[in-house]
Amino acid sequence: MSDQPLDLESAQDSVFDLLVVGAGPTGLACAIEAQKAGFRAVLVDKGCVCNSIFHYPAHMTFFTTSERLEIGGIPFPSPNAKPTRSEALEYYRQVAAYYRLDIRQYRRVERVSGSDGAFAVHTVDRFGRPGAIEARKLAISTGYYDLPNWMDIPGETLSKVHHYYYDPHPFFETDVVVIGGKNSAAIAALELWRSGARVTLIYRGPGIQPHVKYWIKPDIENRIKDGEIKAYFSSQVVEITPDAVVVETPAGRETLRNDFVFAMTGYHPDFTFLERLGVRFEGKDRLPVCDPETLESNVPGIYLAGVIVAGSRTSEIFIENGRFHGRQIAASLVSKARPRAEARDAVAVSNPID
């Protein structure tokens, strides 16, 4: 890990001090804290600002209170005890506008070249046009919501199978299977049932997960108990066909008539992208190697932020705690380089104008 200071004063304006890959809440916080410390920051995202939250269920309510989602010292007012998806999107848009963040949306990072102090991030836009942005340091905050955990069963790639749940309306009066027993599966099953779908829940565990939120768990369990939602526990889907789902149950194999499947099987970070950057992993949970104080990875100049710090243990880091990673990264930048604003001030003091 290099301790050589960066010569920010003589650098070209086209070179950023920090480039953040991922413009979710944690990525925004990283850019904000870097700017507040005097550094030039830019964000790149293959989708829109807060792309993962945008793809949450349309009527989703967060499990936490609004103040625990705040970034940049900007209050998050909400008339509700727990804010909604639409409120969160509006809040983060306003924060980005307040800090005038430089966000390059709809640009996919294809590769990174160079090394600490002189990285080049190569991107491709929606139309396949290449581009490149130069930066001295990188912060990777790509989250994990973009990569679902596949079941590797026949029929999983059929168009009727969805790994994301958004809105229940299109599934009125259809036979829907929801795979999973955690929060996302329970929420999807309940909303689909209340919107007129015939819902069957299939989960490999013996029952609904104990950690499902306290106001959701009794609701889904009562719907199952009353027969309004059919459930197969200690079971798993082994095949999906255009008109059915084949389930291995404790009583044997069953074939269920089916129109749509929601496989709420969880998600994982983009380990391949991190590996291409040279980031190493440790243990069965694939924890990336990084300094717990600075969040700098084993690759000098590349920082990690948000849920990817926890590897495959994606239930350990949320917006509530990942939002503070920006402060750690900014503190490390300050320790390694004179912030641009300080550099300008130093020049002004050494060359006073009468």
Protein backbone atom coordinates (compact mmCIF):
# COMPACT_ATOMS: atom_id res chain seq x y z
CA MET A 1 0.00 0.00 0.00
CA SER A 2 1.69 3.18 -1.21
CA ASP A 3 1.96 6.22 1.07
CA GLN A 4 3.28 8.55 -1.65
CA PRO A 5 1.21 11.76 -1.83
CA LEU A 6 -0.51 12.63 -5.08
CA ASP A 7 0.48 15.83 -6.89
CA LEU A 8 -3.07 17.11 -7.26
CA GLU A 9 -2.05 20.71 -7.84
CA SER A 10 -0.29 20.02 -11.14
CA ALA A 11 -2.80 17.43 -12.36
CA GLN A 12 -4.95 18.01 -15.42
CA ASP A 13 -8.58 18.88 -14.74
CA SER A 14 -9.68 15.91 -16.85
CA VAL A 15 -8.30 13.51 -14.25
CA PHE A 16 -10.54 12.87 -11.25
CA ASP A 17 -9.25 12.21 -7.77
CA LEU A 18 -11.85 9.50 -7.13
CA LEU A 19 -14.06 7.53 -9.47
CA VAL A 20 -16.91 5.63 -7.83
CA VAL A 21 -18.35 2.63 -9.68
CA GLY A 22 -21.98 2.41 -8.61
CA ALA A 23 -24.37 5.31 -7.93
CA GLY A 24 -26.48 3.76 -5.19
CA PRO A 25 -26.79 5.33 -1.72
CA THR A 26 -23.34 4.09 -0.64
CA GLY A 27 -21.71 5.20 -3.89
CA LEU A 28 -23.33 8.62 -3.58
CA ALA A 29 -22.06 8.86 0.01
CA CYS A 30 -18.52 8.01 -1.17
CA ALA A 31 -18.56 10.81 -3.75
CA ILE A 32 -20.10 13.30 -1.29
CA GLU A 33 -17.52 12.64 1.41
CA ALA A 34 -14.68 12.88 -1.12
CA GLN A 35 -16.03 16.22 -2.38
CA LYS A 36 -16.44 17.52 1.16
CA ALA A 37 -12.76 16.68 1.73
CA GLY A 38 -11.81 18.74 -1.32
CA PHE A 39 -11.40 16.03 -3.95
CA ARG A 40 -12.91 15.86 -7.43
CA ALA A 41 -15.20 12.84 -7.67
CA VAL A 42 -17.23 11.24 -10.45
CA LEU A 43 -19.68 8.34 -10.37
CA VAL A 44 -20.36 5.78 -13.10
CA ASP A 45 -23.37 3.45 -13.16
CA LYS A 46 -24.66 1.02 -15.76
CA GLY A 47 -28.20 2.07 -14.86
CA CYS A 48 -29.84 5.08 -13.29
CA VAL A 49 -29.12 6.73 -9.95
CA CYS A 50 -30.02 4.24 -7.20
CA ASN A 51 -30.70 1.63 -9.85
CA SER A 52 -31.27 -1.18 -7.35
CA ILE A 53 -33.86 0.79 -5.35
CA PHE A 54 -35.58 1.70 -8.62
CA HIS A 55 -36.02 -2.03 -9.31
CA TYR A 56 -37.47 -2.77 -5.87
CA PRO A 57 -41.22 -3.59 -5.76
CA ALA A 58 -43.24 -0.53 -6.77
CA HIS A 59 -45.06 -0.23 -3.44
CA MET A 60 -42.19 -1.34 -1.21
CA THR A 61 -41.76 0.11 2.27
CA PHE A 62 -38.30 0.07 3.83
CA PHE A 63 -37.75 -1.99 6.96
CA THR A 64 -35.97 0.92 8.64
CA THR A 65 -36.70 4.54 9.53
CA SER A 66 -35.78 7.43 7.25
CA GLU A 67 -33.00 8.88 9.40
CA ARG A 68 -31.03 5.63 9.03
CA LEU A 69 -31.04 6.08 5.25
CA GLU A 70 -29.64 9.62 5.30
CA ILE A 71 -26.39 10.52 3.56
CA GLY A 72 -24.34 13.68 3.27
CA GLY A 73 -25.86 15.20 6.40
CA ILE A 74 -29.12 15.93 4.55
CA PRO A 75 -32.31 15.14 6.55
CA PHE A 76 -34.73 12.63 5.02
CA PRO A 77 -38.22 13.85 5.92
CA SER A 78 -41.04 11.33 5.61
CA PRO A 79 -44.64 11.41 6.84
CA ASN A 80 -44.45 7.66 7.37
CA ALA A 81 -42.82 5.69 10.15
CA LYS A 82 -40.90 3.83 7.46
CA PRO A 83 -40.27 5.50 4.09
CA THR A 84 -41.42 4.11 0.75
CA ARG A 85 -39.39 3.30 -2.32
CA SER A 86 -40.64 6.41 -4.14
CA GLU A 87 -39.75 8.63 -1.18
CA ALA A 88 -36.23 7.18 -1.07
CA LEU A 89 -35.70 7.72 -4.79
CA GLU A 90 -36.82 11.34 -4.49
CA TYR A 91 -34.58 11.88 -1.46
CA TYR A 92 -31.46 10.51 -3.14
CA ARG A 93 -32.16 12.53 -6.30
CA GLN A 94 -32.38 15.69 -4.22
CA VAL A 95 -29.16 14.88 -2.34
CA ALA A 96 -27.32 14.28 -5.63
CA ALA A 97 -28.63 17.58 -6.98
CA TYR A 98 -27.73 19.47 -3.78
CA TYR A 99 -24.11 18.33 -3.96
CA ARG A 100 -24.02 18.71 -7.76
CA LEU A 101 -22.56 15.24 -8.09
CA ASP A 102 -21.05 14.34 -11.45
CA ILE A 103 -22.93 11.13 -12.27
CA ARG A 104 -22.41 9.32 -15.58
CA GLN A 105 -25.54 7.16 -15.86
CA TYR A 106 -26.11 4.26 -18.25
CA ARG A 107 -22.42 3.53 -18.71
CA ARG A 108 -21.21 0.01 -18.09
CA VAL A 109 -17.65 -0.42 -16.89
CA GLU A 110 -15.99 -2.92 -19.21
CA ARG A 111 -12.47 -2.91 -17.81
CA VAL A 112 -9.97 -0.91 -15.78
CA SER A 113 -6.39 -0.27 -16.82
CA GLY A 114 -3.49 1.50 -15.14
CA SER A 115 -2.56 1.45 -11.48
CA ASP A 116 -2.68 3.46 -8.27
CA GLY A 117 -2.56 7.16 -9.09
CA ALA A 118 -3.31 6.66 -12.80
CA PHE A 119 -6.36 4.48 -13.45
CA ALA A 120 -8.34 4.50 -16.69
CA VAL A 121 -11.91 3.23 -16.43
CA HIS A 122 -13.18 2.05 -19.81
CA THR A 123 -16.94 2.25 -20.32
CA VAL A 124 -19.59 1.49 -22.92
CA ASP A 125 -22.84 3.43 -23.17
CA ARG A 126 -26.32 2.18 -24.15
CA PHE A 127 -25.44 2.38 -27.84
CA GLY A 128 -22.16 0.50 -27.59
CA ARG A 129 -20.02 3.62 -27.81
CA PRO A 130 -16.77 3.35 -25.82
CA GLY A 131 -15.40 5.92 -23.44
CA ALA A 132 -12.75 6.26 -20.77
CA ILE A 133 -12.41 8.27 -17.57
CA GLU A 134 -9.12 8.81 -15.77
CA ALA A 135 -8.89 8.83 -11.99
CA ARG A 136 -6.23 8.46 -9.34
CA LYS A 137 -8.28 6.31 -7.00
CA LEU A 138 -11.29 4.03 -7.42
CA ALA A 139 -14.13 3.09 -5.08
CA ILE A 140 -16.17 0.05 -6.05
CA SER A 141 -19.74 0.20 -4.73
CA THR A 142 -21.61 -2.07 -7.11
CA GLY A 143 -23.87 -3.77 -4.57
CA TYR A 144 -25.27 -7.20 -5.32
CA TYR A 145 -28.87 -6.79 -6.53
CA ASP A 146 -28.00 -7.17 -10.22
CA LEU A 147 -26.92 -10.81 -10.03
CA PRO A 148 -29.55 -13.33 -8.87
CA ASN A 149 -28.64 -16.70 -7.42
CA TRP A 150 -29.60 -19.20 -10.09
CA MET A 151 -31.13 -22.56 -9.21
CA ASP A 152 -29.53 -24.33 -12.20
CA ILE A 153 -32.64 -26.30 -13.09
CA PRO A 154 -34.27 -27.02 -16.47
CA GLY A 155 -36.60 -24.23 -17.58
CA GLU A 156 -35.15 -21.51 -15.37
CA THR A 157 -34.45 -19.31 -18.40
CA LEU A 158 -38.05 -19.39 -19.66
CA SER A 159 -39.62 -15.94 -20.01
CA LYS A 160 -42.23 -16.83 -17.37
CA VAL A 161 -39.52 -16.99 -14.69
CA HIS A 162 -38.62 -13.78 -12.85
CA HIS A 163 -35.86 -13.18 -10.29
CA TYR A 164 -37.24 -9.74 -9.44
CA TYR A 165 -40.69 -8.83 -8.18
CA TYR A 166 -42.06 -5.41 -9.12
CA ASP A 167 -45.86 -5.14 -9.37
CA PRO A 168 -48.66 -7.71 -8.84
CA HIS A 169 -51.18 -6.36 -11.38
CA PRO A 170 -50.11 -8.39 -14.48
CA PHE A 171 -50.61 -11.67 -12.58
CA PHE A 172 -54.31 -11.30 -11.72
CA GLU A 173 -56.15 -14.64 -12.13
CA THR A 174 -52.98 -16.57 -12.95
CA ASP A 175 -51.22 -19.48 -11.21
CA VAL A 176 -48.04 -18.12 -9.65
CA VAL A 177 -45.28 -19.97 -7.82
CA VAL A 178 -43.06 -18.01 -5.45
CA ILE A 179 -39.81 -19.75 -4.53
CA GLY A 180 -38.26 -18.74 -1.22
CA GLY A 181 -39.09 -18.26 2.46
CA LYS A 182 -37.53 -14.94 3.39
CA ASN A 183 -38.75 -11.34 3.33
CA SER A 184 -38.82 -10.82 -0.43
CA ALA A 185 -40.65 -14.08 -1.07
CA ALA A 186 -43.20 -13.41 1.68
CA ILE A 187 -43.88 -9.89 0.44
CA ALA A 188 -44.27 -11.04 -3.16
CA ALA A 189 -46.60 -13.90 -2.19
CA LEU A 190 -48.82 -11.64 -0.09
CA GLU A 191 -49.07 -8.85 -2.67
CA LEU A 192 -49.73 -11.29 -5.50
CA TRP A 193 -52.46 -13.06 -3.51
CA ARG A 194 -54.11 -9.77 -2.53
CA SER A 195 -54.12 -8.75 -6.21
CA GLY A 196 -55.99 -11.86 -7.32
CA ALA A 197 -53.24 -14.33 -8.20
CA ARG A 198 -53.46 -17.99 -7.16
CA VAL A 199 -50.22 -18.28 -5.19
CA THR A 200 -48.15 -21.31 -4.21
CA LEU A 201 -45.08 -20.81 -2.02
CA ILE A 202 -42.23 -23.32 -2.28
CA TYR A 203 -39.29 -23.27 0.12
CA ARG A 204 -36.54 -25.73 0.94
CA GLY A 205 -36.66 -24.83 4.65
CA PRO A 206 -39.10 -26.30 7.19
CA GLY A 207 -41.12 -23.07 7.40
CA ILE A 208 -41.05 -19.32 6.89
CA GLN A 209 -37.66 -17.99 7.98
CA PRO A 210 -37.67 -16.88 11.65
CA HIS A 211 -35.99 -13.59 10.70
CA VAL A 212 -38.79 -12.44 8.40
CA LYS A 213 -39.96 -9.01 9.61
CA TYR A 214 -42.32 -9.20 12.56
CA TRP A 215 -45.27 -7.57 10.79
CA ILE A 216 -44.91 -9.79 7.69
CA LYS A 217 -44.32 -13.22 9.25
CA PRO A 218 -47.72 -13.67 10.98
CA ASP A 219 -49.50 -12.35 7.87
CA ILE A 220 -47.96 -14.91 5.50
CA GLU A 221 -48.28 -17.74 8.05
CA ASN A 222 -51.98 -16.99 8.60
CA ARG A 223 -52.63 -16.93 4.85
CA ILE A 224 -50.97 -20.35 4.59
CA LYS A 225 -52.84 -21.69 7.62
CA ASP A 226 -56.17 -20.56 6.15
CA GLY A 227 -55.38 -22.16 2.79
CA GLU A 228 -55.42 -18.85 0.94
CA ILE A 229 -51.79 -19.35 -0.08
CA LYS A 230 -50.68 -22.93 -0.63
CA ALA A 231 -47.23 -23.79 0.67
CA TYR A 232 -44.73 -26.62 0.20
CA PHE A 233 -41.94 -26.61 2.80
CA SER A 234 -38.83 -28.82 2.83
CA SER A 235 -39.39 -28.87 -0.92
CA GLN A 236 -37.69 -27.59 -4.02
CA VAL A 237 -38.50 -26.95 -7.65
CA VAL A 238 -36.62 -29.36 -9.91
CA GLU A 239 -38.00 -28.35 -13.32
CA ILE A 240 -40.02 -25.55 -14.89
CA THR A 241 -42.00 -26.06 -18.10
CA PRO A 242 -44.16 -23.60 -20.07
CA ASP A 243 -47.31 -24.82 -18.29
CA ALA A 244 -46.13 -26.38 -15.05
CA VAL A 245 -43.64 -26.56 -12.21
CA VAL A 246 -42.24 -29.86 -10.98
CA VAL A 247 -41.67 -29.96 -7.21
CA GLU A 248 -39.82 -32.49 -5.09
CA THR A 249 -41.72 -32.67 -1.79
CA PRO A 250 -41.39 -34.86 1.32
CA ALA A 251 -44.36 -36.84 -0.02
CA GLY A 252 -42.85 -37.30 -3.46
CA ARG A 253 -42.71 -35.45 -6.76
CA GLU A 254 -45.65 -33.28 -7.82
CA THR A 255 -46.42 -31.38 -11.00
CA LEU A 256 -48.28 -28.11 -10.47
CA ARG A 257 -50.09 -26.14 -13.14
CA ASN A 258 -48.31 -22.82 -13.48
CA ASP A 259 -48.25 -19.57 -15.46
CA PHE A 260 -45.48 -17.59 -13.76
CA VAL A 261 -42.60 -18.19 -11.35
CA PHE A 262 -40.92 -15.71 -9.02
CA ALA A 263 -37.59 -17.19 -7.90
CA MET A 264 -36.76 -15.05 -4.87
CA THR A 265 -33.54 -16.94 -4.25
CA GLY A 266 -31.31 -14.01 -3.35
CA TYR A 267 -28.46 -12.23 -5.10
CA HIS A 268 -24.67 -12.03 -4.98
CA PRO A 269 -21.92 -9.47 -5.70
CA ASP A 270 -20.12 -9.41 -9.04
CA PHE A 271 -17.12 -11.41 -7.92
CA THR A 272 -15.88 -11.77 -11.52
CA PHE A 273 -15.56 -8.01 -11.93
CA LEU A 274 -13.65 -7.70 -8.66
CA GLU A 275 -11.36 -10.56 -9.64
CA ARG A 276 -10.55 -8.83 -12.93
CA LEU A 277 -9.46 -5.83 -10.89
CA GLY A 278 -7.08 -8.09 -8.96
CA VAL A 279 -9.05 -8.16 -5.70
CA ARG A 280 -8.39 -11.33 -3.70
CA PHE A 281 -10.93 -13.24 -1.62
CA GLU A 282 -10.68 -15.27 1.56
CA GLY A 283 -12.73 -18.13 3.00
CA LYS A 284 -15.92 -19.84 1.93
CA ASP A 285 -17.84 -16.55 2.17
CA ARG A 286 -15.49 -14.98 -0.38
CA LEU A 287 -14.66 -12.00 1.78
CA PRO A 288 -12.62 -9.54 -0.29
CA VAL A 289 -9.26 -8.59 1.13
CA CYS A 290 -9.39 -4.99 2.34
CA ASP A 291 -8.18 -2.84 5.22
CA PRO A 292 -11.05 -2.61 7.74
CA GLU A 293 -10.05 0.95 8.64
CA THR A 294 -9.58 2.47 5.18
CA LEU A 295 -11.50 -0.08 3.05
CA GLU A 296 -8.60 -0.11 0.57
CA SER A 297 -8.38 -3.52 -1.06
CA ASN A 298 -5.25 -5.55 -1.67
CA VAL A 299 -4.96 -3.60 -4.93
CA PRO A 300 -3.42 -0.20 -4.05
CA GLY A 301 -5.76 2.66 -4.88
CA ILE A 302 -8.91 0.53 -5.18
CA TYR A 303 -11.39 0.87 -2.31
CA LEU A 304 -14.46 -1.24 -1.61
CA ALA A 305 -17.73 0.11 -0.22
CA GLY A 306 -21.15 -1.18 0.69
CA VAL A 307 -22.34 -4.74 0.71
CA ILE A 308 -19.47 -6.10 -1.40
CA VAL A 309 -17.21 -5.70 1.63
CA ALA A 310 -19.07 -8.65 3.19
CA GLY A 311 -18.58 -11.00 0.22
CA SER A 312 -21.39 -13.51 -0.02
CA ARG A 313 -22.67 -12.56 3.47
CA THR A 314 -25.00 -10.03 1.90
CA SER A 315 -27.25 -9.82 4.96
CA GLU A 316 -24.55 -8.05 7.02
CA ILE A 317 -24.35 -4.70 5.24
CA PHE A 318 -27.27 -2.48 4.25
CA ILE A 319 -27.71 1.21 3.46
CA GLU A 320 -27.88 1.81 7.21
CA ASN A 321 -24.23 0.88 7.80
CA GLY A 322 -22.75 0.98 4.29
CA ARG A 323 -23.50 4.71 4.03
CA PHE A 324 -20.63 5.41 6.46
CA HIS A 325 -18.02 3.77 4.23
CA GLY A 326 -17.58 7.02 2.32
CA ARG A 327 -16.16 8.70 5.42
CA GLN A 328 -13.56 5.97 5.84
CA ILE A 329 -12.50 6.23 2.22
CA ALA A 330 -12.36 10.03 2.31
CA ALA A 331 -10.21 9.90 5.45
CA SER A 332 -7.79 7.59 3.66
CA LEU A 333 -7.65 9.90 0.66
CA VAL A 334 -6.81 12.82 2.93
CA SER A 335 -4.01 10.82 4.56
CA LYS A 336 -2.50 10.03 1.16
CA ALA A 337 -3.01 13.26 -0.76
CA ARG A 338 -3.53 16.95 -0.30
CA PRO A 339 -7.13 17.72 -1.25
CA ARG A 340 -7.46 19.85 -4.36
CA ALA A 341 -9.12 22.73 -2.47
CA GLU A 342 -6.26 22.82 0.07
CA ALA A 343 -3.74 22.78 -2.76
CA ARG A 344 -5.37 25.84 -4.34
CA ASP A 345 -5.47 27.62 -0.96
CA ALA A 346 -1.77 26.90 -0.45
CA VAL A 347 -0.95 28.46 -3.84
CA ALA A 348 -3.03 31.53 -3.00
CA VAL A 349 -1.22 32.00 0.31
CA SER A 350 2.22 31.62 -1.22
CA ASN A 351 1.32 34.08 -4.01
CA PRO A 352 -0.72 36.80 -2.27
CA ILE A 353 -2.32 39.47 -4.41
CA ASP A 354 -1.80 43.04 -3.17
